[in-house]
Amino acid sequence: LYTNLITSAVGITASTLRQLADSGLDHVQISIQDSEAASADHIAGYDGAFARKRALAAEVGSSTMPHKVNPIDFENAEGNLGVANALLRHFAEKLPISRWQRDLTDSTVLRNLGVALGHTLVAWNALGRGLTRIAADTGRMDADLDGAWEVLGEAVQTVLRAAGVAGGYERLKDFTRGRAIDAATLAQFIDSLPLAAADKARLRAMKPRDYIGLARELARSV
């Protein structure tokens, strides 16, 4: 169970938030009506609404609840991309088809190209803002990798095939299925294989975090 507050933030201050957090409040959802300040203020009904709500949202994600980050930018991006994708999908389905007669529907549809691209741009901008507020938990990622030695099974199988070892796949399957694999058990398995000493040494020296192939080069080439 958790406690959640959905608010327009009109009557809430940083001090009030701290009191609520100290009382056990787990989550705060602040209603921000638009990503543009002027429009958000107009919908909210008072000047400065957008700035006040953004400031309060920052407070929620910092001193009051440091373990929480308000995902408004990602939610904004998701919503706008949903609208953009719906329009672009309709364009892709509609525009290539001709009915071989007078048809003015194409021109009506084409007038909305800017709408679709506009929603896309707003989404990308929101996504960019959101990404500046998060960071990868490298410690947890390293822990996950250190506990996943089975990913090196592919490397072992590749070396077995390259060495022409018969039944390499079956050997690996019998070793890995239904059991937890760690560095020690994998090293013992590698030592039991009919491979050259150099191949065994190369496999024993590998760690899950090192087995990335060309991923780094491919990611940087995008």
Protein backbone atom coordinates (compact mmCIF):
# COMPACT_ATOMS: atom_id res chain seq x y z
CA LEU A 1 0.00 0.00 0.00
CA TYR A 2 1.08 3.59 -0.59
CA THR A 3 -0.41 7.06 -0.23
CA ASN A 4 -0.82 9.25 -3.28
CA LEU A 5 -1.80 12.93 -3.56
CA ILE A 6 -3.20 14.31 -6.82
CA THR A 7 -3.26 18.09 -6.64
CA SER A 8 -3.45 21.28 -8.66
CA ALA A 9 -0.76 22.61 -6.30
CA VAL A 10 -2.62 25.90 -5.81
CA GLY A 11 -2.49 25.79 -2.03
CA ILE A 12 0.64 23.72 -1.47
CA THR A 13 4.03 25.09 -0.49
CA ALA A 14 7.42 23.44 -0.03
CA SER A 15 6.81 23.52 3.72
CA THR A 16 3.46 21.78 3.33
CA LEU A 17 5.07 19.12 1.16
CA ARG A 18 7.69 18.39 3.79
CA GLN A 19 4.99 18.01 6.44
CA LEU A 20 3.06 15.61 4.20
CA ALA A 21 6.20 13.60 3.45
CA ASP A 22 7.05 13.39 7.14
CA SER A 23 3.49 12.13 7.76
CA GLY A 24 3.99 9.22 5.36
CA LEU A 25 2.98 10.56 1.93
CA ASP A 26 4.65 8.41 -0.75
CA HIS A 27 3.77 10.08 -4.03
CA VAL A 28 2.59 13.42 -5.38
CA GLN A 29 1.02 13.97 -8.79
CA ILE A 30 0.78 17.62 -9.85
CA SER A 31 -1.63 18.56 -12.61
CA ILE A 32 0.11 20.75 -15.20
CA GLN A 33 -2.31 21.60 -17.98
CA ASP A 34 0.11 22.27 -20.83
CA SER A 35 3.81 22.29 -21.67
CA GLU A 36 3.63 25.96 -22.68
CA ALA A 37 3.52 28.46 -19.83
CA ALA A 38 0.98 30.87 -21.36
CA SER A 39 -1.46 28.10 -22.26
CA ALA A 40 -1.03 26.38 -18.88
CA ASP A 41 -1.69 29.65 -17.04
CA HIS A 42 -4.80 30.30 -19.15
CA ILE A 43 -6.23 26.85 -18.44
CA ALA A 44 -5.36 27.02 -14.74
CA GLY A 45 -7.01 30.42 -14.47
CA TYR A 46 -4.22 32.48 -12.96
CA ASP A 47 -0.89 33.94 -14.02
CA GLY A 48 2.21 32.15 -12.85
CA ALA A 49 0.50 28.77 -12.48
CA PHE A 50 2.96 27.00 -14.78
CA ALA A 51 6.06 28.37 -13.04
CA ARG A 52 4.66 27.64 -9.58
CA LYS A 53 3.75 24.08 -10.45
CA ARG A 54 7.12 23.41 -12.08
CA ALA A 55 8.90 24.74 -9.00
CA LEU A 56 6.78 22.56 -6.76
CA ALA A 57 7.42 19.54 -9.00
CA ALA A 58 11.16 20.14 -8.65
CA GLU A 59 10.70 20.28 -4.89
CA VAL A 60 8.88 16.94 -4.96
CA GLY A 61 11.78 15.37 -6.81
CA SER A 62 14.49 16.88 -4.63
CA SER A 63 14.44 17.82 -0.97
CA THR A 64 10.97 16.60 -0.02
CA MET A 65 11.07 13.18 -1.64
CA PRO A 66 14.61 12.60 -2.90
CA HIS A 67 13.81 9.06 -4.02
CA LYS A 68 11.03 10.27 -6.31
CA VAL A 69 11.35 12.01 -9.67
CA ASN A 70 8.27 13.61 -11.20
CA PRO A 71 7.96 11.93 -14.63
CA ILE A 72 5.96 14.75 -16.21
CA ASP A 73 8.41 15.23 -19.11
CA PHE A 74 8.30 11.55 -20.02
CA GLU A 75 4.52 11.50 -19.70
CA ASN A 76 4.33 14.55 -21.94
CA ALA A 77 6.58 12.84 -24.49
CA GLU A 78 4.55 9.63 -24.39
CA GLY A 79 1.26 11.44 -24.91
CA ASN A 80 2.51 13.58 -27.80
CA LEU A 81 4.21 10.64 -29.51
CA GLY A 82 0.97 8.69 -29.24
CA VAL A 83 -0.91 11.46 -31.05
CA ALA A 84 1.86 11.87 -33.64
CA ASN A 85 2.09 8.14 -34.33
CA ALA A 86 -1.67 7.86 -34.76
CA LEU A 87 -1.66 10.63 -37.36
CA LEU A 88 1.44 9.37 -39.17
CA ARG A 89 0.03 5.85 -39.28
CA HIS A 90 -3.14 7.21 -40.85
CA PHE A 91 -1.08 9.10 -43.44
CA ALA A 92 0.82 5.92 -44.32
CA GLU A 93 -2.40 3.96 -44.75
CA LYS A 94 -4.38 6.68 -46.51
CA LEU A 95 -2.12 8.60 -48.86
CA PRO A 96 -0.60 5.79 -51.00
CA ILE A 97 -4.04 4.59 -52.10
CA SER A 98 -5.79 6.15 -55.07
CA ARG A 99 -9.48 5.59 -55.81
CA TRP A 100 -9.03 6.69 -59.44
CA GLN A 101 -11.64 9.37 -59.17
CA ARG A 102 -12.14 12.83 -57.78
CA ASP A 103 -10.91 12.56 -54.19
CA LEU A 104 -10.30 15.60 -52.01
CA THR A 105 -9.62 13.63 -48.85
CA ASP A 106 -5.87 13.61 -49.53
CA SER A 107 -5.63 17.38 -49.32
CA THR A 108 -7.55 17.35 -46.04
CA VAL A 109 -5.18 14.79 -44.60
CA LEU A 110 -2.05 16.57 -45.87
CA ARG A 111 -3.05 19.73 -44.02
CA ASN A 112 -2.32 17.84 -40.81
CA LEU A 113 1.28 16.93 -41.59
CA GLY A 114 2.41 19.91 -39.55
CA VAL A 115 0.24 18.80 -36.65
CA ALA A 116 1.87 15.37 -36.59
CA LEU A 117 5.38 16.78 -36.85
CA GLY A 118 4.58 19.42 -34.24
CA HIS A 119 3.52 16.78 -31.71
CA THR A 120 6.69 14.86 -32.57
CA LEU A 121 8.89 17.89 -31.92
CA VAL A 122 7.18 18.67 -28.61
CA ALA A 123 7.66 15.03 -27.57
CA TRP A 124 11.36 15.00 -28.46
CA ASN A 125 11.94 18.24 -26.56
CA ALA A 126 10.14 16.86 -23.50
CA LEU A 127 12.08 13.62 -23.73
CA GLY A 128 15.34 15.56 -23.87
CA ARG A 129 14.40 17.51 -20.74
CA GLY A 130 13.47 14.32 -18.94
CA LEU A 131 16.72 12.60 -19.83
CA THR A 132 18.71 15.43 -18.23
CA ARG A 133 17.07 14.60 -14.89
CA ILE A 134 17.91 10.91 -14.71
CA ALA A 135 21.10 8.88 -14.62
CA ALA A 136 21.93 5.21 -15.04
CA ASP A 137 22.39 3.27 -11.81
CA THR A 138 25.78 1.84 -12.78
CA GLY A 139 26.16 0.07 -9.46
CA ARG A 140 22.99 -1.93 -9.95
CA MET A 141 23.84 -2.61 -13.59
CA ASP A 142 27.25 -3.94 -12.58
CA ALA A 143 25.64 -6.11 -9.91
CA ASP A 144 23.19 -7.55 -12.44
CA LEU A 145 26.01 -8.35 -14.85
CA ASP A 146 28.19 -9.88 -12.15
CA GLY A 147 25.31 -12.21 -11.35
CA ALA A 148 24.70 -13.29 -14.95
CA TRP A 149 27.68 -15.43 -15.95
CA GLU A 150 25.40 -17.55 -18.11
CA VAL A 151 25.59 -14.85 -20.82
CA LEU A 152 29.09 -16.12 -21.57
CA GLY A 153 27.56 -19.40 -22.71
CA GLU A 154 27.33 -17.99 -26.22
CA ALA A 155 31.05 -17.19 -26.21
CA VAL A 156 31.86 -20.73 -25.08
CA GLN A 157 29.64 -22.21 -27.78
CA THR A 158 31.24 -20.02 -30.45
CA VAL A 159 34.74 -21.17 -29.46
CA LEU A 160 33.60 -24.80 -29.40
CA ARG A 161 32.23 -24.51 -32.92
CA ALA A 162 35.34 -22.75 -34.17
CA ALA A 163 37.48 -25.55 -32.70
CA GLY A 164 35.29 -28.20 -34.35
CA VAL A 165 34.29 -29.82 -31.06
CA ALA A 166 31.47 -32.28 -31.71
CA GLY A 167 28.37 -31.90 -29.53
CA GLY A 168 29.43 -28.51 -28.22
CA TYR A 169 25.86 -27.23 -28.00
CA GLU A 170 24.71 -30.31 -26.06
CA ARG A 171 27.62 -29.96 -23.63
CA LEU A 172 26.72 -26.36 -22.95
CA LYS A 173 23.00 -27.09 -22.65
CA ASP A 174 23.57 -29.84 -20.10
CA PHE A 175 25.84 -27.53 -18.11
CA THR A 176 23.68 -24.39 -18.05
CA ARG A 177 20.07 -25.50 -17.92
CA GLY A 178 18.38 -25.58 -14.54
CA ARG A 179 21.31 -24.32 -12.50
CA ALA A 180 22.88 -21.10 -11.33
CA ILE A 181 26.16 -20.20 -13.00
CA ASP A 182 28.92 -18.21 -11.35
CA ALA A 183 32.57 -17.50 -12.18
CA ALA A 184 33.89 -20.57 -10.42
CA THR A 185 31.49 -23.10 -11.98
CA LEU A 186 32.00 -21.61 -15.44
CA ALA A 187 35.78 -21.82 -15.05
CA GLN A 188 35.50 -25.48 -14.04
CA PHE A 189 33.35 -26.19 -17.09
CA ILE A 190 35.82 -24.42 -19.39
CA ASP A 191 38.70 -26.47 -17.95
CA SER A 192 36.79 -29.67 -18.75
CA LEU A 193 36.39 -28.83 -22.44
CA PRO A 194 38.62 -30.32 -25.17
CA LEU A 195 40.05 -26.95 -26.18
CA ALA A 196 43.51 -25.56 -26.67
CA ALA A 197 45.10 -23.95 -23.63
CA ALA A 198 45.02 -20.52 -25.29
CA ASP A 199 41.27 -20.79 -25.95
CA LYS A 200 40.62 -21.87 -22.37
CA ALA A 201 42.67 -18.98 -21.02
CA ARG A 202 40.81 -16.49 -23.22
CA LEU A 203 37.42 -17.78 -22.07
CA ARG A 204 38.39 -17.83 -18.39
CA ALA A 205 39.56 -14.23 -18.64
CA MET A 206 36.19 -13.03 -19.92
CA LYS A 207 33.60 -11.38 -17.70
CA PRO A 208 29.90 -10.74 -18.47
CA ARG A 209 30.47 -6.97 -18.71
CA ASP A 210 33.23 -7.51 -21.29
CA TYR A 211 31.15 -9.67 -23.64
CA ILE A 212 29.66 -6.91 -25.75
CA GLY A 213 30.98 -7.70 -29.23
CA LEU A 214 30.67 -4.66 -31.50
CA ALA A 215 27.93 -3.01 -29.41
CA ARG A 216 30.07 0.00 -28.48
CA GLU A 217 31.14 0.70 -32.04
CA LEU A 218 27.63 0.18 -33.43
CA ALA A 219 26.06 2.47 -30.82
CA ARG A 220 28.53 5.27 -31.58
CA SER A 221 27.97 4.94 -35.30
CA VAL A 222 24.24 5.65 -35.05
